[in-house]
Amino acid sequence: MKIIIFILGIILAFEGAIYALFPLAFKNLLLQLKDIETEKLRYFGLGAMTLGVVLVWLSGMR
């Protein structure tokens, strides 16, 4: 359970840093995302999720 809380904390810290340091760039990115096809976004999400799982697996944290 500790590792899950740790990982969530890291994710929230990075998310918060993006919003705090680059708010205008992030808003522009969100505006551009609405023009991308749903299937492309889905494949990007699946790819990012797969990469994340592989990185966690390679780190040895099981």
PDB file of N, CA and C in Angstrom:
ATOM      1  N   MET A   1       0.822  -1.192   0.000  1.00  0.00           N
ATOM      2  CA  MET A   1       0.000   0.000   0.000  1.00  0.00           C
ATOM      3  C   MET A   1       0.868   1.258   0.000  1.00  0.00           C
ATOM      4  N   LYS A   2       2.036   1.169   0.675  1.00  0.00           N
ATOM      5  CA  LYS A   2       2.934   2.325   0.718  1.00  0.00           C
ATOM      6  C   LYS A   2       3.390   2.724  -0.679  1.00  0.00           C
ATOM      7  N   ILE A   3       3.686   1.735  -1.505  1.00  0.00           N
ATOM      8  CA  ILE A   3       4.188   2.036  -2.849  1.00  0.00           C
ATOM      9  C   ILE A   3       3.117   2.713  -3.695  1.00  0.00           C
ATOM     10  N   ILE A   4       1.867   2.323  -3.524  1.00  0.00           N
ATOM     11  CA  ILE A   4       0.778   2.944  -4.282  1.00  0.00           C
ATOM     12  C   ILE A   4       0.641   4.408  -3.891  1.00  0.00           C
ATOM     13  N   ILE A   5       0.697   4.686  -2.602  1.00  0.00           N
ATOM     14  CA  ILE A   5       0.609   6.072  -2.136  1.00  0.00           C
ATOM     15  C   ILE A   5       1.806   6.871  -2.639  1.00  0.00           C
ATOM     16  N   PHE A   6       2.990   6.258  -2.626  1.00  0.00           N
ATOM     17  CA  PHE A   6       4.191   6.916  -3.132  1.00  0.00           C
ATOM     18  C   PHE A   6       4.049   7.259  -4.612  1.00  0.00           C
ATOM     19  N   ILE A   7       3.604   6.301  -5.407  1.00  0.00           N
ATOM     20  CA  ILE A   7       3.453   6.518  -6.848  1.00  0.00           C
ATOM     21  C   ILE A   7       2.413   7.595  -7.126  1.00  0.00           C
ATOM     22  N   LEU A   8       1.287   7.553  -6.424  1.00  0.00           N
ATOM     23  CA  LEU A   8       0.266   8.591  -6.605  1.00  0.00           C
ATOM     24  C   LEU A   8       0.810   9.966  -6.237  1.00  0.00           C
ATOM     25  N   GLY A   9       1.618  10.033  -5.198  1.00  0.00           N
ATOM     26  CA  GLY A   9       2.237  11.299  -4.812  1.00  0.00           C
ATOM     27  C   GLY A   9       3.161  11.839  -5.885  1.00  0.00           C
ATOM     28  N   ILE A  10       3.961  10.968  -6.477  1.00  0.00           N
ATOM     29  CA  ILE A  10       4.862  11.384  -7.559  1.00  0.00           C
ATOM     30  C   ILE A  10       4.060  11.886  -8.755  1.00  0.00           C
ATOM     31  N   ILE A  11       3.020  11.156  -9.127  1.00  0.00           N
ATOM     32  CA  ILE A  11       2.182  11.559 -10.261  1.00  0.00           C
ATOM     33  C   ILE A  11       1.562  12.925 -10.003  1.00  0.00           C
ATOM     34  N   LEU A  12       0.992  13.127  -8.822  1.00  0.00           N
ATOM     35  CA  LEU A  12       0.367  14.410  -8.499  1.00  0.00           C
ATOM     36  C   LEU A  12       1.387  15.545  -8.463  1.00  0.00           C
ATOM     37  N   ALA A  13       2.595  15.273  -7.992  1.00  0.00           N
ATOM     38  CA  ALA A  13       3.636  16.300  -7.965  1.00  0.00           C
ATOM     39  C   ALA A  13       4.001  16.740  -9.379  1.00  0.00           C
ATOM     40  N   PHE A  14       4.164  15.786 -10.296  1.00  0.00           N
ATOM     41  CA  PHE A  14       4.487  16.133 -11.678  1.00  0.00           C
ATOM     42  C   PHE A  14       3.326  16.850 -12.363  1.00  0.00           C
ATOM     43  N   GLU A  15       2.119  16.362 -12.139  1.00  0.00           N
ATOM     44  CA  GLU A  15       0.939  17.018 -12.718  1.00  0.00           C
ATOM     45  C   GLU A  15       0.839  18.456 -12.218  1.00  0.00           C
ATOM     46  N   GLY A  16       0.984  18.635 -10.927  1.00  0.00           N
ATOM     47  CA  GLY A  16       0.901  19.973 -10.350  1.00  0.00           C
ATOM     48  C   GLY A  16       1.987  20.894 -10.874  1.00  0.00           C
ATOM     49  N   ALA A  17       3.182  20.361 -11.063  1.00  0.00           N
ATOM     50  CA  ALA A  17       4.283  21.173 -11.590  1.00  0.00           C
ATOM     51  C   ALA A  17       3.978  21.658 -13.001  1.00  0.00           C
ATOM     52  N   ILE A  18       3.392  20.799 -13.812  1.00  0.00           N
ATOM     53  CA  ILE A  18       3.041  21.196 -15.181  1.00  0.00           C
ATOM     54  C   ILE A  18       2.023  22.324 -15.158  1.00  0.00           C
ATOM     55  N   TYR A  19       0.983  22.185 -14.327  1.00  0.00           N
ATOM     56  CA  TYR A  19      -0.045  23.225 -14.240  1.00  0.00           C
ATOM     57  C   TYR A  19       0.535  24.529 -13.703  1.00  0.00           C
ATOM     58  N   ALA A  20       1.417  24.442 -12.718  1.00  0.00           N
ATOM     59  CA  ALA A  20       1.962  25.638 -12.082  1.00  0.00           C
ATOM     60  C   ALA A  20       3.002  26.345 -12.950  1.00  0.00           C
ATOM     61  N   LEU A  21       3.851  25.579 -13.623  1.00  0.00           N
ATOM     62  CA  LEU A  21       4.942  26.175 -14.391  1.00  0.00           C
ATOM     63  C   LEU A  21       4.556  26.565 -15.810  1.00  0.00           C
ATOM     64  N   PHE A  22       3.632  25.821 -16.421  1.00  0.00           N
ATOM     65  CA  PHE A  22       3.284  26.055 -17.820  1.00  0.00           C
ATOM     66  C   PHE A  22       1.774  26.093 -18.043  1.00  0.00           C
ATOM     67  N   PRO A  23       1.036  26.949 -17.342  1.00  0.00           N
ATOM     68  CA  PRO A  23      -0.426  26.911 -17.463  1.00  0.00           C
ATOM     69  C   PRO A  23      -0.931  27.261 -18.862  1.00  0.00           C
ATOM     70  N   LEU A  24      -0.335  28.250 -19.497  1.00  0.00           N
ATOM     71  CA  LEU A  24      -0.798  28.646 -20.830  1.00  0.00           C
ATOM     72  C   LEU A  24      -0.498  27.562 -21.864  1.00  0.00           C
ATOM     73  N   ALA A  25       0.693  26.997 -21.804  1.00  0.00           N
ATOM     74  CA  ALA A  25       1.051  25.929 -22.740  1.00  0.00           C
ATOM     75  C   ALA A  25       0.134  24.728 -22.555  1.00  0.00           C
ATOM     76  N   PHE A  26      -0.226  24.430 -21.312  1.00  0.00           N
ATOM     77  CA  PHE A  26      -1.105  23.292 -21.055  1.00  0.00           C
ATOM     78  C   PHE A  26      -2.503  23.553 -21.601  1.00  0.00           C
ATOM     79  N   LYS A  27      -3.001  24.777 -21.431  1.00  0.00           N
ATOM     80  CA  LYS A  27      -4.319  25.113 -21.974  1.00  0.00           C
ATOM     81  C   LYS A  27      -4.314  25.000 -23.503  1.00  0.00           C
ATOM     82  N   ASN A  28      -3.236  25.464 -24.128  1.00  0.00           N
ATOM     83  CA  ASN A  28      -3.133  25.357 -25.587  1.00  0.00           C
ATOM     84  C   ASN A  28      -3.083  23.897 -26.032  1.00  0.00           C
ATOM     85  N   LEU A  29      -2.383  23.068 -25.279  1.00  0.00           N
ATOM     86  CA  LEU A  29      -2.326  21.638 -25.590  1.00  0.00           C
ATOM     87  C   LEU A  29      -3.716  21.023 -25.533  1.00  0.00           C
ATOM     88  N   LEU A  30      -4.478  21.365 -24.500  1.00  0.00           N
ATOM     89  CA  LEU A  30      -5.834  20.823 -24.379  1.00  0.00           C
ATOM     90  C   LEU A  30      -6.717  21.268 -25.541  1.00  0.00           C
ATOM     91  N   LEU A  31      -6.547  22.496 -25.986  1.00  0.00           N
ATOM     92  CA  LEU A  31      -7.326  22.974 -27.131  1.00  0.00           C
ATOM     93  C   LEU A  31      -6.965  22.203 -28.401  1.00  0.00           C
ATOM     94  N   GLN A  32      -5.699  21.849 -28.546  1.00  0.00           N
ATOM     95  CA  GLN A  32      -5.266  21.093 -29.721  1.00  0.00           C
ATOM     96  C   GLN A  32      -5.747  19.644 -29.664  1.00  0.00           C
ATOM     97  N   LEU A  33      -5.887  19.098 -28.465  1.00  0.00           N
ATOM     98  CA  LEU A  33      -6.315  17.704 -28.322  1.00  0.00           C
ATOM     99  C   LEU A  33      -7.717  17.465 -28.866  1.00  0.00           C
ATOM    100  N   LYS A  34      -8.570  18.481 -28.814  1.00  0.00           N
ATOM    101  CA  LYS A  34      -9.942  18.285 -29.291  1.00  0.00           C
ATOM    102  C   LYS A  34      -9.999  18.042 -30.794  1.00  0.00           C
ATOM    103  N   ASP A  35      -8.939  18.417 -31.508  1.00  0.00           N
ATOM    104  CA  ASP A  35      -8.905  18.228 -32.955  1.00  0.00           C
ATOM    105  C   ASP A  35      -8.333  16.876 -33.374  1.00  0.00           C
ATOM    106  N   ILE A  36      -7.786  16.129 -32.432  1.00  0.00           N
ATOM    107  CA  ILE A  36      -7.193  14.826 -32.744  1.00  0.00           C
ATOM    108  C   ILE A  36      -8.283  13.756 -32.703  1.00  0.00           C
ATOM    109  N   GLU A  37      -8.215  12.832 -33.647  1.00  0.00           N
ATOM    110  CA  GLU A  37      -9.211  11.761 -33.722  1.00  0.00           C
ATOM    111  C   GLU A  37      -9.196  10.913 -32.450  1.00  0.00           C
ATOM    112  N   THR A  38     -10.373  10.430 -32.077  1.00  0.00           N
ATOM    113  CA  THR A  38     -10.530   9.638 -30.857  1.00  0.00           C
ATOM    114  C   THR A  38      -9.649   8.394 -30.878  1.00  0.00           C
ATOM    115  N   GLU A  39      -9.581   7.721 -32.008  1.00  0.00           N
ATOM    116  CA  GLU A  39      -8.775   6.496 -32.096  1.00  0.00           C
ATOM    117  C   GLU A  39      -7.297   6.790 -31.868  1.00  0.00           C
ATOM    118  N   LYS A  40      -6.803   7.904 -32.399  1.00  0.00           N
ATOM    119  CA  LYS A  40      -5.394   8.252 -32.196  1.00  0.00           C
ATOM    120  C   LYS A  40      -5.117   8.516 -30.722  1.00  0.00           C
ATOM    121  N   LEU A  41      -6.038   9.203 -30.055  1.00  0.00           N
ATOM    122  CA  LEU A  41      -5.871   9.447 -28.621  1.00  0.00           C
ATOM    123  C   LEU A  41      -5.889   8.141 -27.837  1.00  0.00           C
ATOM    124  N   ARG A  42      -6.766   7.230 -28.242  1.00  0.00           N
ATOM    125  CA  ARG A  42      -6.846   5.938 -27.562  1.00  0.00           C
ATOM    126  C   ARG A  42      -5.533   5.169 -27.717  1.00  0.00           C
ATOM    127  N   TYR A  43      -4.979   5.147 -28.932  1.00  0.00           N
ATOM    128  CA  TYR A  43      -3.719   4.437 -29.149  1.00  0.00           C
ATOM    129  C   TYR A  43      -2.574   5.103 -28.390  1.00  0.00           C
ATOM    130  N   PHE A  44      -2.566   6.428 -28.336  1.00  0.00           N
ATOM    131  CA  PHE A  44      -1.543   7.131 -27.564  1.00  0.00           C
ATOM    132  C   PHE A  44      -1.650   6.759 -26.085  1.00  0.00           C
ATOM    133  N   GLY A  45      -2.869   6.733 -25.567  1.00  0.00           N
ATOM    134  CA  GLY A  45      -3.085   6.359 -24.168  1.00  0.00           C
ATOM    135  C   GLY A  45      -2.642   4.937 -23.882  1.00  0.00           C
ATOM    136  N   LEU A  46      -2.973   4.015 -24.784  1.00  0.00           N
ATOM    137  CA  LEU A  46      -2.550   2.621 -24.606  1.00  0.00           C
ATOM    138  C   LEU A  46      -1.030   2.496 -24.651  1.00  0.00           C
ATOM    139  N   GLY A  47      -0.404   3.249 -25.554  1.00  0.00           N
ATOM    140  CA  GLY A  47       1.057   3.229 -25.638  1.00  0.00           C
ATOM    141  C   GLY A  47       1.708   3.780 -24.381  1.00  0.00           C
ATOM    142  N   ALA A  48       1.171   4.887 -23.866  1.00  0.00           N
ATOM    143  CA  ALA A  48       1.713   5.481 -22.644  1.00  0.00           C
ATOM    144  C   ALA A  48       1.526   4.541 -21.459  1.00  0.00           C
ATOM    145  N   MET A  49       0.367   3.907 -21.387  1.00  0.00           N
ATOM    146  CA  MET A  49       0.097   2.970 -20.299  1.00  0.00           C
ATOM    147  C   MET A  49       1.057   1.780 -20.375  1.00  0.00           C
ATOM    148  N   THR A  50       1.263   1.251 -21.569  1.00  0.00           N
ATOM    149  CA  THR A  50       2.174   0.121 -21.756  1.00  0.00           C
ATOM    150  C   THR A  50       3.594   0.504 -21.361  1.00  0.00           C
ATOM    151  N   LEU A  51       4.030   1.672 -21.793  1.00  0.00           N
ATOM    152  CA  LEU A  51       5.366   2.142 -21.433  1.00  0.00           C
ATOM    153  C   LEU A  51       5.503   2.280 -19.919  1.00  0.00           C
ATOM    154  N   GLY A  52       4.491   2.800 -19.274  1.00  0.00           N
ATOM    155  CA  GLY A  52       4.521   2.937 -17.822  1.00  0.00           C
ATOM    156  C   GLY A  52       4.634   1.603 -17.118  1.00  0.00           C
ATOM    157  N   VAL A  53       3.859   0.628 -17.568  1.00  0.00           N
ATOM    158  CA  VAL A  53       3.914  -0.706 -16.960  1.00  0.00           C
ATOM    159  C   VAL A  53       5.292  -1.330 -17.176  1.00  0.00           C
ATOM    160  N   VAL A  54       5.846  -1.183 -18.366  1.00  0.00           N
ATOM    161  CA  VAL A  54       7.174  -1.733 -18.653  1.00  0.00           C
ATOM    162  C   VAL A  54       8.228  -1.066 -17.770  1.00  0.00           C
ATOM    163  N   LEU A  55       8.147   0.250 -17.611  1.00  0.00           N
ATOM    164  CA  LEU A  55       9.118   0.950 -16.768  1.00  0.00           C
ATOM    165  C   LEU A  55       9.024   0.505 -15.310  1.00  0.00           C
ATOM    166  N   VAL A  56       7.820   0.336 -14.808  1.00  0.00           N
ATOM    167  CA  VAL A  56       7.654  -0.154 -13.431  1.00  0.00           C
ATOM    168  C   VAL A  56       8.214  -1.562 -13.311  1.00  0.00           C
ATOM    169  N   TRP A  57       7.950  -2.396 -14.303  1.00  0.00           N
ATOM    170  CA  TRP A  57       8.451  -3.771 -14.285  1.00  0.00           C
ATOM    171  C   TRP A  57       9.987  -3.785 -14.325  1.00  0.00           C
ATOM    172  N   LEU A  58      10.576  -2.941 -15.182  1.00  0.00           N
ATOM    173  CA  LEU A  58      12.033  -2.896 -15.290  1.00  0.00           C
ATOM    174  C   LEU A  58      12.693  -2.344 -14.027  1.00  0.00           C
ATOM    175  N   SER A  59      11.974  -1.506 -13.306  1.00  0.00           N
ATOM    176  CA  SER A  59      12.547  -0.922 -12.088  1.00  0.00           C
ATOM    177  C   SER A  59      12.688  -1.958 -10.974  1.00  0.00           C
ATOM    178  N   GLY A  60      12.005  -3.084 -11.122  1.00  0.00           N
ATOM    179  CA  GLY A  60      12.111  -4.139 -10.124  1.00  0.00           C
ATOM    180  C   GLY A  60      11.150  -3.983  -8.965  1.00  0.00           C
ATOM    181  N   MET A  61      10.256  -3.023  -9.023  1.00  0.00           N
ATOM    182  CA  MET A  61       9.284  -2.807  -7.941  1.00  0.00           C
ATOM    183  C   MET A  61       8.076  -3.692  -8.178  1.00  0.00           C
ATOM    184  N   ARG A  62       8.101  -4.863  -7.633  1.00  0.00           N
ATOM    185  CA  ARG A  62       6.990  -5.795  -7.811  1.00  0.00           C
ATOM    186  C   ARG A  62       6.366  -6.106  -6.501  1.00  0.00           C
TER     187      ARG A  62
END
